[in-house]
Protein backbone atom coordinates (compact mmCIF):
# COMPACT_ATOMS: atom_id res chain seq x y z
CA UNK A 1 -182.24 41.08 -143.61
CA UNK A 2 -180.05 43.14 -141.30
CA UNK A 3 -180.21 41.95 -137.72
CA UNK A 4 -180.80 44.46 -134.96
CA UNK A 5 -178.39 44.13 -132.07
CA UNK A 6 -181.26 43.87 -129.59
CA UNK A 7 -182.50 40.69 -131.34
CA UNK A 8 -179.86 38.81 -129.35
CA UNK A 9 -181.28 37.60 -126.04
CA UNK A 10 -179.13 37.26 -122.94
CA UNK A 11 -180.08 34.24 -120.80
CA UNK A 12 -182.59 34.62 -117.95
CA UNK A 13 -181.57 34.00 -114.33
CA UNK A 14 -182.36 30.31 -114.71
CA UNK A 15 -179.69 29.91 -117.38
CA UNK A 16 -175.98 30.17 -116.77
CA UNK A 17 -174.83 33.71 -117.57
CA UNK A 18 -171.45 34.34 -119.21
CA UNK A 19 -168.73 33.56 -116.70
CA UNK A 20 -167.47 37.14 -116.38
CA UNK A 21 -170.88 38.54 -115.40
CA UNK A 22 -171.46 38.86 -111.65
CA UNK A 23 -175.22 38.60 -111.36
CA UNK A 24 -175.18 39.07 -107.58
CA UNK A 25 -174.27 42.77 -107.84
CA UNK A 26 -176.53 45.34 -109.49
CA UNK A 27 -175.00 47.05 -112.52
CA UNK A 28 -176.06 50.49 -113.86
CA UNK A 29 -176.72 49.28 -117.42
CA UNK A 30 -178.90 46.41 -116.24
CA UNK A 31 -180.82 48.54 -113.72
CA UNK A 32 -181.49 51.05 -116.50
CA UNK A 33 -182.64 48.19 -118.73
CA UNK A 34 -185.16 47.12 -116.10
CA UNK A 35 -186.59 50.64 -115.83
CA UNK A 36 -187.02 50.65 -119.61
CA UNK A 37 -188.96 47.39 -119.44
CA UNK A 38 -186.15 45.24 -120.82
CA UNK A 39 -185.35 41.64 -119.92
CA UNK A 40 -181.55 41.74 -119.86
CA UNK A 41 -181.27 42.04 -116.08
CA UNK A 42 -180.95 39.81 -113.05
CA UNK A 43 -182.48 39.60 -109.59
CA UNK A 44 -179.96 41.99 -107.99
CA UNK A 45 -180.60 44.56 -110.73
CA UNK A 46 -184.36 44.32 -110.35
CA UNK A 47 -184.15 44.63 -106.57
CA UNK A 48 -182.01 47.78 -106.83
CA UNK A 49 -184.29 49.26 -109.48
CA UNK A 50 -187.37 48.64 -107.34
CA UNK A 51 -185.73 50.34 -104.35
CA UNK A 52 -185.39 53.52 -106.42
CA UNK A 53 -188.91 53.19 -107.81
CA UNK A 54 -190.32 53.16 -104.29
CA UNK A 55 -189.20 56.74 -103.71
CA UNK A 56 -189.32 57.95 -107.32
CA UNK A 57 -191.76 56.00 -109.50
CA UNK A 58 -191.41 58.57 -112.28
CA UNK A 59 -187.87 57.34 -112.92
CA UNK A 60 -189.36 55.25 -115.73
CA UNK A 61 -190.54 58.44 -117.45
CA UNK A 62 -187.07 59.91 -116.93
CA UNK A 63 -185.25 57.06 -118.67
CA UNK A 64 -187.75 57.07 -121.53
CA UNK A 65 -187.21 60.81 -121.90
CA UNK A 66 -183.49 60.15 -122.07
CA UNK A 67 -183.93 57.59 -124.87
CA UNK A 68 -186.16 60.04 -126.71
CA UNK A 69 -183.50 62.73 -126.46
CA UNK A 70 -180.87 60.34 -127.83
CA UNK A 71 -182.96 59.57 -130.91
CA UNK A 72 -183.84 63.21 -131.58
CA UNK A 73 -180.24 64.34 -131.14
CA UNK A 74 -178.83 61.72 -133.52
CA UNK A 75 -181.55 62.46 -136.07
CA UNK A 76 -180.74 66.19 -135.93
CA UNK A 77 -177.03 65.52 -136.36
CA UNK A 78 -177.45 63.11 -139.26
CA UNK A 79 -180.23 64.93 -141.12
CA UNK A 80 -179.56 68.60 -140.39
CA UNK A 81 -175.97 68.98 -139.24
CA UNK A 82 -174.46 66.61 -141.81
CA UNK A 83 -172.67 64.44 -139.25
CA UNK A 84 -171.88 60.88 -140.31
CA UNK A 85 -169.50 59.80 -137.51
CA UNK A 86 -170.61 58.99 -133.96
CA UNK A 87 -168.64 58.01 -130.86
CA UNK A 88 -171.23 56.73 -128.37
CA UNK A 89 -169.59 56.28 -124.95
CA UNK A 90 -171.49 54.46 -122.23
CA UNK A 91 -173.74 52.67 -124.69
CA UNK A 92 -175.72 50.59 -122.24
CA UNK A 93 -177.99 47.69 -123.12
CA UNK A 94 -179.80 48.53 -126.35
CA UNK A 95 -183.52 48.95 -126.85
CA UNK A 96 -184.92 50.58 -129.98
CA UNK A 97 -183.74 53.71 -131.81
CA UNK A 98 -180.10 53.13 -130.99
CA UNK A 99 -177.44 55.49 -132.34
CA UNK A 100 -176.49 53.36 -135.35
CA UNK A 101 -180.11 52.71 -136.30
CA UNK A 102 -181.10 56.38 -136.30
CA UNK A 103 -177.88 57.60 -137.91
CA UNK A 104 -177.73 54.95 -140.61
CA UNK A 105 -181.41 55.37 -141.46
CA UNK A 106 -180.55 58.92 -142.50
CA UNK A 107 -177.01 58.20 -143.72
CA UNK A 108 -176.52 54.51 -144.57
CA UNK A 109 -172.74 54.83 -144.56
CA UNK A 110 -172.56 56.53 -141.16
CA UNK A 111 -169.72 55.29 -138.95
CA UNK A 112 -170.57 54.43 -135.34
CA UNK A 113 -168.31 53.35 -132.48
CA UNK A 114 -169.86 52.19 -129.23
CA UNK A 115 -168.01 52.09 -125.91
CA UNK A 116 -169.05 50.21 -122.78
CA UNK A 117 -167.54 47.90 -120.17
CA UNK A 118 -170.53 45.66 -119.32
CA UNK A 119 -170.18 42.04 -120.56
CA UNK A 120 -173.91 41.88 -121.34
CA UNK A 121 -173.58 44.92 -123.59
CA UNK A 122 -170.64 43.18 -125.27
CA UNK A 123 -172.81 40.12 -125.90
CA UNK A 124 -175.34 42.31 -127.70
CA UNK A 125 -172.56 44.02 -129.63
CA UNK A 126 -171.72 40.76 -131.39
CA UNK A 127 -175.11 40.99 -133.10
CA UNK A 128 -174.66 44.71 -133.67
CA UNK A 129 -171.47 44.24 -135.65
CA UNK A 130 -173.16 41.95 -138.19
CA UNK A 131 -176.30 44.00 -138.83
CA UNK A 132 -175.40 47.54 -139.84
CA UNK A 133 -175.27 49.45 -143.12
CA UNK A 134 -172.14 51.42 -142.22
CA UNK A 135 -168.86 50.71 -140.42
CA UNK A 136 -169.68 49.96 -136.79
CA UNK A 137 -167.40 48.92 -133.94
CA UNK A 138 -167.55 48.22 -130.21
CA UNK A 139 -164.83 49.09 -127.69
CA UNK A 140 -164.83 47.19 -124.41
CA UNK A 141 -163.32 49.68 -121.96
CA UNK A 142 -164.15 52.17 -119.21
CA UNK A 143 -165.14 55.68 -120.20
CA UNK A 144 -162.39 57.07 -117.96
CA UNK A 145 -159.73 55.63 -120.27
CA UNK A 146 -160.00 58.30 -122.96
CA UNK A 147 -156.62 57.43 -124.52
CA UNK A 148 -157.67 53.82 -125.13
CA UNK A 149 -161.06 54.93 -126.45
CA UNK A 150 -159.58 57.39 -128.92
CA UNK A 151 -156.89 55.00 -130.13
CA UNK A 152 -159.36 52.20 -130.76
CA UNK A 153 -162.03 54.50 -132.24
CA UNK A 154 -159.51 55.84 -134.77
CA UNK A 155 -159.60 52.44 -136.48
CA UNK A 156 -163.21 53.15 -137.53
CA UNK A 157 -163.64 56.92 -137.32
CA UNK A 158 -161.73 59.57 -139.26
CA UNK A 159 -160.70 62.16 -136.69
CA UNK A 160 -159.82 64.52 -139.51
CA UNK A 161 -163.56 65.04 -140.04
CA UNK A 162 -166.29 66.08 -137.57
CA UNK A 163 -167.43 63.51 -135.01
CA UNK A 164 -170.41 63.53 -132.66
CA UNK A 165 -169.26 62.55 -129.16
CA UNK A 166 -172.24 61.06 -127.34
CA UNK A 167 -172.24 60.88 -123.52
CA UNK A 168 -175.82 59.94 -122.79
CA UNK A 169 -176.66 59.38 -119.11
CA UNK A 170 -173.18 58.17 -118.21
CA UNK A 171 -171.15 61.02 -116.69
CA UNK A 172 -173.10 60.78 -113.42
CA UNK A 173 -171.16 57.54 -112.89
CA UNK A 174 -167.87 59.46 -112.87
CA UNK A 175 -167.22 61.04 -109.43
CA UNK A 176 -165.84 64.56 -109.16
CA UNK A 177 -162.48 63.24 -107.97
CA UNK A 178 -162.05 61.38 -111.29
CA UNK A 179 -162.31 64.66 -113.22
CA UNK A 180 -165.36 64.22 -115.49
CA UNK A 181 -164.94 67.75 -116.90
CA UNK A 182 -161.32 67.04 -117.85
CA UNK A 183 -162.41 63.74 -119.41
CA UNK A 184 -164.91 65.51 -121.66
CA UNK A 185 -162.35 68.19 -122.53
CA UNK A 186 -159.81 65.53 -123.60
CA UNK A 187 -162.36 63.88 -125.84
CA UNK A 188 -163.38 67.16 -127.46
CA UNK A 189 -159.73 68.20 -127.89
CA UNK A 190 -159.27 65.08 -130.02
CA UNK A 191 -162.02 65.93 -132.52
CA UNK A 192 -161.88 68.71 -135.13
CA UNK A 193 -163.84 71.91 -135.55
CA UNK A 194 -167.43 71.18 -136.54
CA UNK A 195 -167.70 68.23 -134.14
CA UNK A 196 -170.48 68.01 -131.57
CA UNK A 197 -170.86 67.05 -127.92
CA UNK A 198 -174.21 65.47 -126.99
CA UNK A 199 -174.83 64.93 -123.30
CA UNK A 200 -177.56 64.09 -120.82
CA UNK A 201 -177.16 64.00 -117.05
CA UNK A 202 -179.39 63.44 -113.98
CA UNK A 203 -180.17 66.74 -112.22
CA UNK A 204 -179.55 67.55 -108.56
CA UNK A 205 -181.54 70.80 -108.63
CA UNK A 206 -184.78 69.49 -110.19
CA UNK A 207 -187.30 67.68 -107.95
CA UNK A 208 -184.60 67.97 -105.33
CA UNK A 209 -186.09 65.91 -102.48
CA UNK A 210 -187.11 62.94 -104.59
CA UNK A 211 -183.92 63.08 -106.61
CA UNK A 212 -181.81 63.02 -103.46
CA UNK A 213 -183.75 60.08 -102.04
CA UNK A 214 -183.55 58.19 -105.32
CA UNK A 215 -179.79 58.77 -105.58
CA UNK A 216 -179.31 57.58 -101.99
CA UNK A 217 -181.26 54.36 -102.64
CA UNK A 218 -179.39 53.80 -105.89
CA UNK A 219 -175.98 54.26 -104.30
CA UNK A 220 -176.86 51.79 -101.55
CA UNK A 221 -177.56 48.99 -104.01
CA UNK A 222 -175.64 49.52 -107.26
CA UNK A 223 -171.96 48.74 -107.76
CA UNK A 224 -171.12 52.07 -109.44
CA UNK A 225 -172.47 54.99 -107.39
CA UNK A 226 -174.02 57.97 -109.13
CA UNK A 227 -173.49 61.72 -108.70
CA UNK A 228 -176.38 63.96 -109.75
CA UNK A 229 -175.26 67.47 -110.75
CA UNK A 230 -176.68 70.97 -110.98
CA UNK A 231 -177.33 72.88 -114.18
CA UNK A 232 -174.20 74.96 -113.59
CA UNK A 233 -172.11 71.82 -113.16
CA UNK A 234 -173.55 70.35 -116.36
CA UNK A 235 -172.85 73.63 -118.17
CA UNK A 236 -169.18 73.15 -117.31
CA UNK A 237 -168.99 70.21 -119.71
CA UNK A 238 -169.69 72.62 -122.59
CA UNK A 239 -166.94 75.17 -121.86
CA UNK A 240 -165.53 76.49 -125.13
CA UNK A 241 -168.36 75.01 -127.22
CA UNK A 242 -171.36 76.66 -128.86
CA UNK A 243 -174.65 75.37 -127.52
CA UNK A 244 -177.31 74.39 -130.04
CA UNK A 245 -180.80 75.75 -129.38
CA UNK A 246 -182.58 75.32 -126.99
CA UNK A 247 -179.42 75.06 -124.87
CA UNK A 248 -179.32 73.15 -121.58
CA UNK A 249 -182.87 72.04 -120.80
CA UNK A 250 -184.67 69.14 -119.21
CA UNK A 251 -184.51 66.11 -121.48
CA UNK A 252 -188.12 66.20 -122.59
CA UNK A 253 -187.73 69.86 -123.59
CA UNK A 254 -184.94 69.33 -126.14
CA UNK A 255 -186.66 69.71 -129.54
CA UNK A 256 -189.63 67.44 -128.76
CA UNK A 257 -191.82 66.17 -131.57
CA UNK A 258 -195.59 66.36 -131.46
CA UNK A 259 -195.89 62.59 -131.07
CA UNK A 260 -193.84 62.40 -127.88
CA UNK A 261 -195.20 62.52 -124.38
CA UNK A 262 -193.86 65.63 -122.66
CA UNK A 263 -193.36 63.98 -119.26
CA UNK A 264 -191.16 66.11 -116.99
CA UNK A 265 -187.70 64.67 -116.54
CA UNK A 266 -185.31 65.35 -113.69
CA UNK A 267 -182.31 65.40 -115.96
CA UNK A 268 -180.56 67.84 -118.27
CA UNK A 269 -179.82 67.46 -121.97
CA UNK A 270 -177.86 69.58 -124.39
CA UNK A 271 -175.85 69.58 -127.59
CA UNK A 272 -172.99 71.90 -128.56
CA UNK A 273 -170.76 72.42 -131.59
CA UNK A 274 -167.01 72.79 -131.45
CA UNK A 275 -166.06 76.08 -133.19
């Protein structure tokens, strides 16, 4: 039986974590895991997550809406758009309905490359690489290093055919001075016509007061500060691409199914095709 990559359990606080993991500093992937109800987090992560929950308890609905968008987007790409190659940057700690699971359920030979720089995510990836129906790889690097990402991904993906570039709830960790729009442009320049960009991003102009308070609390306690952005700023990531209906919307509004809870989400989601 194929093993899901989330079947691997990272030790609790009482056990010795891998040497390279600093459990005294909150990390975005582990804070996010806590909000999703996961167990791959430590005391510092839980404390930071609770600080944000005090001012914005609906953050749990937001992160669930983000996961729902991820699954719907990958399903659309694999089943309707004919995409069988996925570059998922900023993977995070897995839960259910991860990119490879959704894509390979529709297309068993789908190729998936994950990118993240958290050692806990890497620990899970070891299980991921032994339990998939199609070629799957993990790149341990920062999303800002697009050259390294593309070079390593080319060992698994065929950049002569369309690729879905997935940037799900990760670009808010790239400050303006690091050029997130240029980063996305470089990635999309490297993939051919017919490729897709899939992106979600926390909003600065939705639920503005609570969002600002939540971002402030987060940035006080988490190692990598976040930068919420407006709809216009998010639209800039899609320059030169053709948006797929319904365009740039709140995450819960992107092609929801009847079974999903339509909880409002203070974040944007969109998909676009490279002409």
